[in-house]
Amino acid sequence: MGAAGFGALLLLLLRAAPCPGQLSGDTVFQPSFIHMSGPRVNSFFLGNSSGVNFSIILSPRDAETGKLQLANCSGSKRAGDWNLDVTPGVNTSKVTVSLSRTLELCLPNATECCPSPLCMVETLQVLACRGSVMLAQLLIQAEIFANSSFAGNVSENATIIPNQAFKPLGSCPCNLTAGACDVRCCCDLECTPDLQQLFSGSCFTGVFGGDVNPPYDQLCSSQSMEYTPEWFPFLCVQSSLDNTPFLGYFYHGSISTPKVPSFKIPLQTSPGKPFTGYREGDPIITEEDEYFTVPQQSMAGQCVGNAPVAYLHNFDVKCLTNLESYKGGLPHDVRINTGTADFIQQNVLYRAITDRGKFITERENLLAAEVLCQNVTFAEHYKFIWKDKNIEQVNVTVFHGSLCDGEILTQRFTVEFLSLNSTHGEELFENPAGRGLCASATDRPVLFGVDSYSGCILEVDINEDCSFLRGNVTEKLNALVQATHIGKRDNSSYSDLNDWVEIIRLDPFSSNVSTGGFKGICPDIPANLNIRIIFAKVGAVQGIPQQEILAVQISYSTVLWQFQCGLGCRNTLSFLPITASVQFIEVPAQPPPPVTRYQKIYAEFDCNQNEVCWPQLLYPLTRFYTGEPYSQCLAKGLFLAFLVLLATIVSNPWFSKLWNG
């Protein structure tokens, strides 16, 4: 009978014949029967444990009936190798039964260990008694196997590890546990023959299973190849397994120290090779090989004080601060790398703030004697004058003012990149910035490759004429782009018309729809200006892709304006939002011209485009070949020519007639 079935039978016998004096239903162990397979087990005594004595006893079976002998309340908290611990509680007590002996398999000349894998099979009873009256009992069937892990003393003798390039590291790699048998490891010497019979048919194979020097495919005596080539065994290796290709695979590489990331970067220059200039989006570098930083707004909406300034990226941010958390920015005496390994000084102009109301947003009522003020920076405006890939000049305007305790300051930082050629007459390609009224809206330049969307709000009266409104909106949007042509590249020549692209303008749709005399409604208002710039990659210079603008189109999208009546309709003014969007569209470059028939024929004999080079067939016979002495090359060439001549003669029909005749 199995151990589980035997335990269940014992439980039924005990439940059928309760002990004399046992109370029914008041107190109980939960669970009341446990099949134990480890050195520790827990149960819970449900009920009031005040005045209750707990004891553990070994329950031997009756040799004739096979039943457990009846227990009494005269036991203790220790029985043989078993200990009983009780953690009392209000209505629940934790009962822990633990084994105090080791579960290791016996090594030679060892005692107090397990002689066999099935180390212990015993039956335990835990009794809860009040005086001589038994309140509840817990039956435990222990069936514990020996541990396979090694917990003995480790020898302090140093293990000599052989050189893995000339000798295998271990003869039995699957032997992972010291002093115990590893399952499916047939080369493990600690596995007895009885244990090996359990997994003799599923042993590990290959190098992991102990075959550390397997015969390789090139060995003449090898029969392990699935697909034998035609030249085998004509060309094979005859060698002992000590000279195996499985050795020598270990590479002793160098150790590299980790680099700590920081804002300091190496300057892209070396002796004899100057700095190649900035590209759009590159961080601007200072003389100390650090990023030039200006406070900017992060994706989370917070201001970051040490954000690098990117080349040709304009921004206008506002940051809130007070006197306690105020921090000064980057010193203005820092010199900036122009892009050609030269450095320029910033041109700084300091101004005082006269109207603090535009920057101070909150004040706390403090006593005049307690107010502490300090001169701080209210705003900084940076203007970078650039040409091609270099920075020509940096102009900075700094506005100072007094900030006192209890005041919230709105600092403003702007960075604007202006082309050096913009002062020579060409117009900036701009779109409105901000979300205020159009009368006070400002413009910002359009950056190549950066899609943008902005707009402003136009005040419209309820009695506004629809035709006049369409003309007014169209005039304001057309004023954003007054140019007729745009340069294909950043270095387009003013004298070469081929370097410029004409702007295609699609006039807004002229509506003749009548509103029927209704006021406050106008259809087909061209309120959205759409600018689409098509560009493509037309080549590369020193590995850097060169992009070129192919076409520019300006179109309008119309909306229906309707007067929005406010509270009580007392206001006769309403708002019309007008927007401008810029979209860059990349298209594939034009395909190359088709290859002519002459180029196709020549390509077959081009040694740079083909693996087989027929013009160099006799190259080994020339003086340019230096792989072997010239005399040997000549002898081999003559011998090869003789074989070709002999094959030609033998394959001729008259030779066979002459041979047979």
Foldseek 3Di string as FASTA:
>chain_A
DDLVVLQVVQVVVCVVDPDPQEDPPAKEKVVQEEEAADFKDKIKIFAAQVQKAKFKEFFDADPPPRHTDDDWDPHHQDYDQKGWDWADDGGMIMIMIGGNFAQADDDPPDPRYAPDQFRDWTKMKMFIDRVGHTHYMHIYTYTYGGDQADDDDDDPDDDDQDDQQQDPRDQAQLPPHPPGDDPLQPPDPNQDPVRCVVCVPRHDDDVNNRPVQDDDPQELPDPPDPDDDPCPPVRGDHDDSSPGPVHRPDDDDDDDDDDDDDQADDDPDDVPGWQQFADFFDFWAWPNRGGDADWDADPVRAIDQGDTDTPQDKDKDKHKDAPVPDDAHDDQQIWTFFRGNDTDHAAEAEEEDDDCVVWWDWADDDDPVPKDKDKGWQEKEWEFEDADRTTDHIYIYTYIYIGIPRTMTIHMYIYAYDYPCCVVDDDAQWWWADAEAPVPTDIHGDDPPDKDKHWYKYKDFQQDDQVVQLVVLVVSVCVNDVDQWDAFARPQDPVDPVRIEGEAEDDFDDDPDDPPPHTFKHWFRQQEKEKEWEKEFDQDDPNHTDMTTDYIYIYTDIGITGADQDVVSPDRMGIDIGMYIYYYHYDYDDDDDDDDPVRVVVLVQDVVNDVDHVVCPVVLQDPVDDPDDNVVSVVVVVVVVVVVVVVVLVPDVVNVVVVVD
